[in-house]
Amino acid sequence: MDSTDPTGFQRTYARMKEQMARVVVGQDALVEGALVAVLARGHVLIEGAPGLGKTLVARALGVVSGCVFKRIQFTPDLMPSDITGSSVYSRETGAFSFVPGPIFAQLLLADEINRAPAKTQSALLEAMQDHQVTVDGTSRPVPSPFVVVATQNPVESHGTYPLPEAQLDRFLFKLTVGDPPVEVERTIVRHHAEGFDPTDLGALQAASSPQEIVAMQRVAQGVRVDEAVIAYMVELVRRTRDDKAIELGASPRASIALMKAAQVVAASDGRAFVTPDDVKPMAAAVLRHRLMLHPDAQLQGVTADERIEDILRSVPVPRLAA
């Protein structure tokens, strides 16, 4: 794929979205968020109660992207070596050889990530940030593309370890999943009554390949962002630092994440330039996990999403030259 071809990007994006919609019903925002994160070279944290399709989205994404997909079920006794792999001594050769762990995948599902202790989570952090894994003093690169899709349950607290702010900040998006509308839930039940098996995704087809995903990432990176749009994104992020209800606002990394996400949205629409309308739908997913609300605001029931909506309304939207 030509790195200057947003039209080809749009076609492939639409095929991937269409394939995922065959098995993921009523979660359009979740599907689009996962696709945007992959194509923006970012990781995504999905939060929702059990049974809402978080794992299904990740598995379907692995199929339609054509990427090597692996899943790690995080548990309190999970060790760092269970993720990264370890060196094993061979009696035949009289030497140690490295046996890679499941982290050496192109699309990694970290299921219930907050169930693992901090030491194990930190083993994942290096790969997320530096795209490499260090074991026994040797650094090894992870495959390309490399995307982590992590899930967590927002309700259950027994046996969980909250993700540190440094790790949360490494996720491009935090997507939240709510209960589906009644008609959507009826459709889901009807599909199961007709024989749909969520563990069998054989009906899905690969709509892309790892090489094409990398090419699409280059296309998105080449989408033009005018100075007025950059100023708009930066102002949105800076307002989170001045908001009285927010104790800790977002860093410049959030501004970069917002830009990358908006570039993918623009490319998915077949455009080679970003508009403010590409930025606004991505703001909550980029910012909600990067904000620490003031304790008084939390006691009053204020949410991060509410503050983000107020900030979006308060920042003037720039007009771009025709």
Protein backbone atom coordinates (compact mmCIF):
# COMPACT_ATOMS: atom_id res chain seq x y z
CA MET A 1 0.00 0.00 0.00
CA ASP A 2 1.28 3.46 -0.97
CA SER A 3 1.94 5.61 2.10
CA THR A 4 0.11 8.48 0.35
CA ASP A 5 -3.03 6.48 -0.49
CA PRO A 6 -5.88 7.28 1.93
CA THR A 7 -8.39 5.77 -0.53
CA GLY A 8 -6.81 2.31 -0.20
CA PHE A 9 -6.73 2.81 3.56
CA GLN A 10 -10.46 3.60 3.55
CA ARG A 11 -11.32 0.43 1.62
CA THR A 12 -9.30 -1.88 3.85
CA TYR A 13 -10.60 -0.21 7.02
CA ALA A 14 -14.18 -0.68 5.82
CA ARG A 15 -13.56 -4.38 5.06
CA MET A 16 -12.11 -4.98 8.51
CA LYS A 17 -14.99 -3.17 10.20
CA GLU A 18 -17.54 -5.08 8.14
CA GLN A 19 -15.99 -8.45 9.02
CA MET A 20 -15.90 -7.67 12.75
CA ALA A 21 -19.53 -6.53 12.69
CA ARG A 22 -20.52 -10.05 11.61
CA VAL A 23 -19.77 -11.39 15.10
CA VAL A 24 -19.70 -8.30 17.33
CA VAL A 25 -23.27 -6.97 17.50
CA GLY A 26 -24.20 -3.54 18.83
CA GLN A 27 -20.70 -2.48 19.85
CA ASP A 28 -19.81 -0.17 16.95
CA ALA A 29 -17.90 2.30 19.11
CA LEU A 30 -15.84 -0.52 20.62
CA VAL A 31 -15.04 -2.02 17.22
CA GLU A 32 -14.06 1.34 15.75
CA GLY A 33 -11.97 2.22 18.79
CA ALA A 34 -10.04 -1.04 18.59
CA LEU A 35 -9.41 -0.58 14.86
CA VAL A 36 -8.27 3.02 15.30
CA ALA A 37 -5.88 2.02 18.10
CA VAL A 38 -4.25 -0.71 15.99
CA LEU A 39 -3.79 1.58 12.99
CA ALA A 40 -2.47 4.41 15.20
CA ARG A 41 0.21 2.07 16.61
CA GLY A 42 -1.39 2.28 20.03
CA HIS A 43 -2.56 -0.05 22.76
CA VAL A 44 -6.10 -0.15 24.05
CA LEU A 45 -7.62 -0.83 27.47
CA ILE A 46 -11.22 -2.06 27.42
CA GLU A 47 -13.21 -1.77 30.64
CA GLY A 48 -16.59 -3.37 31.17
CA ALA A 49 -18.49 -5.97 33.13
CA PRO A 50 -18.16 -9.65 32.13
CA GLY A 51 -20.19 -10.87 29.18
CA LEU A 52 -20.21 -7.68 27.11
CA GLY A 53 -17.95 -8.86 24.29
CA LYS A 54 -14.55 -7.46 25.29
CA THR A 55 -12.66 -10.68 24.56
CA LEU A 56 -14.71 -11.36 21.44
CA VAL A 57 -13.68 -8.00 19.96
CA ALA A 58 -10.00 -8.76 20.51
CA ARG A 59 -10.25 -12.24 19.01
CA ALA A 60 -12.21 -10.99 16.00
CA LEU A 61 -9.64 -8.24 15.49
CA GLY A 62 -6.90 -10.85 15.46
CA VAL A 63 -8.68 -12.77 12.70
CA VAL A 64 -9.59 -9.87 10.42
CA SER A 65 -6.16 -8.22 10.74
CA GLY A 66 -4.35 -11.44 9.82
CA CYS A 67 -1.96 -10.86 12.74
CA VAL A 68 -0.49 -13.50 15.03
CA PHE A 69 -2.87 -13.45 17.99
CA LYS A 70 -2.15 -14.71 21.50
CA ARG A 71 -4.03 -14.45 24.76
CA ILE A 72 -2.73 -14.22 28.31
CA GLN A 73 -5.18 -14.78 31.16
CA PHE A 74 -3.84 -12.59 33.95
CA THR A 75 -4.02 -14.11 37.44
CA PRO A 76 -2.55 -13.13 40.84
CA ASP A 77 0.12 -15.85 40.55
CA LEU A 78 1.22 -14.92 37.01
CA MET A 79 4.99 -14.41 36.88
CA PRO A 80 6.89 -12.07 34.52
CA SER A 81 8.55 -15.07 32.87
CA ASP A 82 5.10 -16.47 32.07
CA ILE A 83 4.70 -13.49 29.76
CA THR A 84 8.18 -12.82 28.43
CA GLY A 85 9.56 -16.35 28.27
CA SER A 86 12.75 -17.63 29.88
CA SER A 87 16.08 -19.27 29.25
CA VAL A 88 16.01 -23.06 29.51
CA TYR A 89 19.06 -25.28 29.98
CA SER A 90 19.49 -28.06 27.44
CA ARG A 91 21.39 -31.15 28.53
CA GLU A 92 22.04 -32.09 24.92
CA THR A 93 23.80 -28.86 24.01
CA GLY A 94 25.04 -27.97 27.48
CA ALA A 95 23.82 -24.42 26.98
CA PHE A 96 20.86 -22.19 27.75
CA SER A 97 18.38 -21.35 24.99
CA PHE A 98 15.62 -18.76 25.09
CA VAL A 99 12.03 -19.99 24.90
CA PRO A 100 9.85 -17.02 23.92
CA GLY A 101 6.66 -16.33 25.86
CA PRO A 102 3.25 -15.32 24.53
CA ILE A 103 4.23 -11.64 24.46
CA PHE A 104 5.97 -12.33 21.14
CA ALA A 105 2.75 -11.85 19.19
CA GLN A 106 1.51 -9.15 16.87
CA LEU A 107 -1.82 -8.78 18.64
CA LEU A 108 -1.77 -9.66 22.35
CA LEU A 109 -4.89 -9.96 24.49
CA ALA A 110 -4.08 -9.25 28.14
CA ASP A 111 -7.31 -10.53 29.68
CA GLU A 112 -8.19 -9.10 33.12
CA ILE A 113 -4.87 -7.29 33.24
CA ASN A 114 -5.52 -5.82 36.70
CA ARG A 115 -5.45 -9.28 38.30
CA ALA A 116 -1.67 -9.55 37.98
CA PRO A 117 0.72 -7.96 40.51
CA ALA A 118 2.78 -4.88 39.65
CA LYS A 119 5.97 -6.82 38.88
CA THR A 120 4.21 -8.81 36.18
CA GLN A 121 2.48 -5.75 34.78
CA SER A 122 5.86 -4.01 34.51
CA ALA A 123 7.13 -6.84 32.30
CA LEU A 124 4.39 -5.91 29.86
CA LEU A 125 5.15 -2.20 30.18
CA GLU A 126 8.57 -2.43 28.51
CA ALA A 127 7.12 -4.15 25.47
CA MET A 128 4.28 -1.62 25.23
CA GLN A 129 6.61 1.36 25.37
CA ASP A 130 9.87 0.20 23.77
CA HIS A 131 8.63 -2.71 21.62
CA GLN A 132 11.24 -4.98 23.15
CA VAL A 133 11.53 -7.52 25.95
CA THR A 134 14.57 -7.87 28.19
CA VAL A 135 15.26 -11.30 29.70
CA ASP A 136 18.53 -12.24 31.42
CA GLY A 137 20.10 -8.98 30.30
CA THR A 138 19.32 -9.52 26.61
CA SER A 139 16.79 -7.33 24.80
CA ARG A 140 14.72 -8.90 22.06
CA PRO A 141 12.34 -7.01 19.75
CA VAL A 142 8.68 -7.94 19.63
CA PRO A 143 7.08 -8.53 16.21
CA SER A 144 5.71 -5.76 14.04
CA PRO A 145 2.98 -4.67 14.28
CA PHE A 146 2.66 -5.03 18.05
CA VAL A 147 -0.58 -4.07 19.80
CA VAL A 148 -1.81 -4.92 23.29
CA VAL A 149 -5.55 -5.16 23.87
CA ALA A 150 -6.12 -5.32 27.63
CA THR A 151 -9.40 -5.89 29.45
CA GLN A 152 -10.49 -5.26 33.02
CA ASN A 153 -13.64 -5.49 35.12
CA PRO A 154 -14.53 -2.12 36.71
CA VAL A 155 -16.69 -3.61 39.48
CA GLU A 156 -14.77 -6.47 41.04
CA SER A 157 -11.94 -5.44 43.38
CA HIS A 158 -11.11 -8.71 45.19
CA GLY A 159 -7.75 -10.03 44.00
CA THR A 160 -7.04 -7.10 41.70
CA TYR A 161 -4.12 -4.67 41.46
CA PRO A 162 -4.91 -1.19 40.10
CA LEU A 163 -2.81 -0.26 37.09
CA PRO A 164 -0.21 2.39 37.92
CA GLU A 165 -0.55 5.79 36.22
CA ALA A 166 2.63 5.19 34.20
CA GLN A 167 1.15 2.07 32.63
CA LEU A 168 -2.27 3.62 32.07
CA ASP A 169 -0.57 6.43 30.19
CA ARG A 170 0.92 3.90 27.75
CA PHE A 171 -2.55 2.98 26.50
CA LEU A 172 -3.64 5.10 23.56
CA PHE A 173 -7.30 4.52 24.41
CA LYS A 174 -9.44 3.46 27.30
CA LEU A 175 -12.75 2.20 25.90
CA THR A 176 -15.73 1.59 28.15
CA VAL A 177 -18.42 -0.99 27.40
CA GLY A 178 -21.95 -0.66 28.72
CA ASP A 179 -25.04 -2.85 28.58
CA PRO A 180 -26.52 -3.10 25.07
CA PRO A 181 -29.98 -1.71 24.22
CA VAL A 182 -32.81 -4.21 24.51
CA GLU A 183 -33.14 -4.74 20.75
CA VAL A 184 -29.42 -5.43 20.42
CA GLU A 185 -29.53 -7.88 23.31
CA ARG A 186 -32.44 -9.70 21.66
CA THR A 187 -30.39 -9.93 18.44
CA ILE A 188 -27.42 -11.38 20.34
CA VAL A 189 -29.60 -14.02 22.00
CA ARG A 190 -31.25 -14.82 18.66
CA HIS A 191 -27.84 -15.40 17.05
CA HIS A 192 -26.92 -17.84 19.79
CA ALA A 193 -30.28 -19.60 19.39
CA GLU A 194 -29.42 -20.02 15.70
CA GLY A 195 -26.15 -21.72 16.58
CA PHE A 196 -23.59 -18.92 16.85
CA ASP A 197 -20.52 -20.06 18.80
CA PRO A 198 -18.31 -17.19 20.06
CA THR A 199 -15.37 -19.57 20.47
CA ASP A 200 -15.48 -20.45 16.76
CA LEU A 201 -14.68 -17.54 14.47
CA GLY A 202 -14.11 -19.70 11.43
CA ALA A 203 -16.74 -17.74 9.49
CA LEU A 204 -14.58 -14.62 9.66
CA GLN A 205 -12.08 -13.86 6.92
CA ALA A 206 -8.81 -11.98 7.13
CA ALA A 207 -9.42 -8.56 5.59
CA SER A 208 -5.80 -7.52 5.90
CA SER A 209 -2.32 -8.82 6.72
CA PRO A 210 0.47 -7.79 9.09
CA GLN A 211 2.32 -6.18 6.19
CA GLU A 212 -0.78 -4.25 5.16
CA ILE A 213 -1.43 -3.16 8.75
CA VAL A 214 2.10 -1.70 8.88
CA ALA A 215 1.47 0.03 5.54
CA MET A 216 -1.81 1.46 6.83
CA GLN A 217 -0.02 2.74 9.92
CA ARG A 218 2.35 4.62 7.58
CA VAL A 219 -0.62 6.02 5.64
CA ALA A 220 -2.16 7.36 8.85
CA GLN A 221 1.15 8.84 9.94
CA GLY A 222 1.32 10.77 6.67
CA VAL A 223 -2.09 12.43 7.05
CA ARG A 224 -1.63 16.22 7.20
CA VAL A 225 -2.39 18.07 10.44
CA ASP A 226 -2.64 21.85 10.07
CA GLU A 227 -1.29 24.19 12.73
CA ALA A 228 -4.81 25.28 13.66
CA VAL A 229 -5.82 21.69 14.41
CA ILE A 230 -2.63 21.10 16.39
CA ALA A 231 -3.36 24.21 18.46
CA TYR A 232 -6.92 22.94 19.02
CA MET A 233 -5.75 19.53 20.26
CA VAL A 234 -3.10 21.03 22.52
CA GLU A 235 -5.63 23.44 24.02
CA LEU A 236 -8.04 20.58 24.75
CA VAL A 237 -5.32 18.71 26.64
CA ARG A 238 -4.03 21.80 28.46
CA ARG A 239 -7.53 22.60 29.72
CA THR A 240 -7.46 19.33 31.67
CA ARG A 241 -4.55 20.75 33.70
CA ASP A 242 -6.45 23.92 34.57
CA ASP A 243 -9.79 22.31 35.43
CA LYS A 244 -10.59 22.73 39.13
CA ALA A 245 -12.28 19.32 39.29
CA ILE A 246 -9.15 17.58 37.95
CA GLU A 247 -6.24 17.07 40.32
CA LEU A 248 -3.86 15.73 37.67
CA GLY A 249 -4.37 16.56 34.00
CA ALA A 250 -3.09 14.90 30.86
CA SER A 251 0.51 15.18 29.67
CA PRO A 252 1.80 16.09 26.18
CA ARG A 253 1.69 12.36 25.42
CA ALA A 254 -2.10 12.74 25.35
CA SER A 255 -1.82 15.49 22.71
CA ILE A 256 0.28 13.16 20.56
CA ALA A 257 -2.19 10.31 21.08
CA LEU A 258 -5.08 12.56 20.11
CA MET A 259 -3.28 13.55 16.92
CA LYS A 260 -2.50 9.93 15.96
CA ALA A 261 -6.08 8.85 16.54
CA ALA A 262 -7.45 11.77 14.51
CA GLN A 263 -5.12 10.91 11.63
CA VAL A 264 -6.56 7.39 11.49
CA VAL A 265 -10.13 8.74 11.59
CA ALA A 266 -9.34 11.08 8.70
CA ALA A 267 -7.73 8.30 6.67
CA SER A 268 -10.69 5.99 7.33
CA ASP A 269 -12.85 8.67 5.73
CA GLY A 270 -10.58 8.78 2.67
CA ARG A 271 -9.04 12.17 3.52
CA ALA A 272 -5.40 13.22 3.61
CA PHE A 273 -5.95 15.95 6.21
CA VAL A 274 -7.35 16.14 9.76
CA THR A 275 -10.31 18.29 10.76
CA PRO A 276 -11.58 19.16 14.26
CA ASP A 277 -14.46 16.73 13.67
CA ASP A 278 -11.87 13.93 13.56
CA VAL A 279 -10.51 15.04 16.93
CA LYS A 280 -13.69 15.43 19.00
CA PRO A 281 -14.94 11.80 18.87
CA MET A 282 -11.53 10.58 20.06
CA ALA A 283 -11.11 12.94 23.02
CA ALA A 284 -12.87 10.86 25.68
CA ALA A 285 -11.10 7.61 24.75
CA VAL A 286 -7.70 9.33 24.76
CA LEU A 287 -8.17 11.37 27.95
CA ARG A 288 -10.44 9.52 30.40
CA HIS A 289 -7.73 7.23 31.84
CA ARG A 290 -5.14 10.01 32.00
CA LEU A 291 -7.10 12.25 34.36
CA MET A 292 -7.09 12.08 38.14
CA LEU A 293 -10.17 13.76 39.57
CA HIS A 294 -10.01 15.86 42.71
CA PRO A 295 -11.38 13.93 45.76
CA ASP A 296 -14.11 16.54 46.27
CA ALA A 297 -15.24 16.11 42.67
CA GLN A 298 -15.34 12.35 43.09
CA LEU A 299 -17.51 12.71 46.21
CA GLN A 300 -19.92 14.83 44.17
CA GLY A 301 -20.16 12.09 41.55
CA VAL A 302 -18.27 13.96 38.84
CA THR A 303 -16.82 11.70 36.13
CA ALA A 304 -13.86 12.17 33.81
CA ASP A 305 -16.13 11.89 30.77
CA GLU A 306 -18.30 14.77 32.06
CA ARG A 307 -15.27 17.01 32.48
CA ILE A 308 -14.03 16.10 28.99
CA GLU A 309 -17.43 16.97 27.50
CA ASP A 310 -17.37 20.36 29.25
CA ILE A 311 -13.87 21.04 27.96
CA LEU A 312 -14.91 20.13 24.41
CA ARG A 313 -17.77 22.62 24.66
CA SER A 314 -15.55 25.38 26.06
CA VAL A 315 -12.68 25.26 23.55
CA PRO A 316 -13.39 27.21 20.33
CA VAL A 317 -13.32 25.00 17.21
CA PRO A 318 -10.98 26.41 14.54
CA ARG A 319 -12.15 27.06 11.02
CA LEU A 320 -9.91 25.60 8.35
CA ALA A 321 -9.15 27.34 5.10
CA ALA A 322 -10.90 25.78 2.11
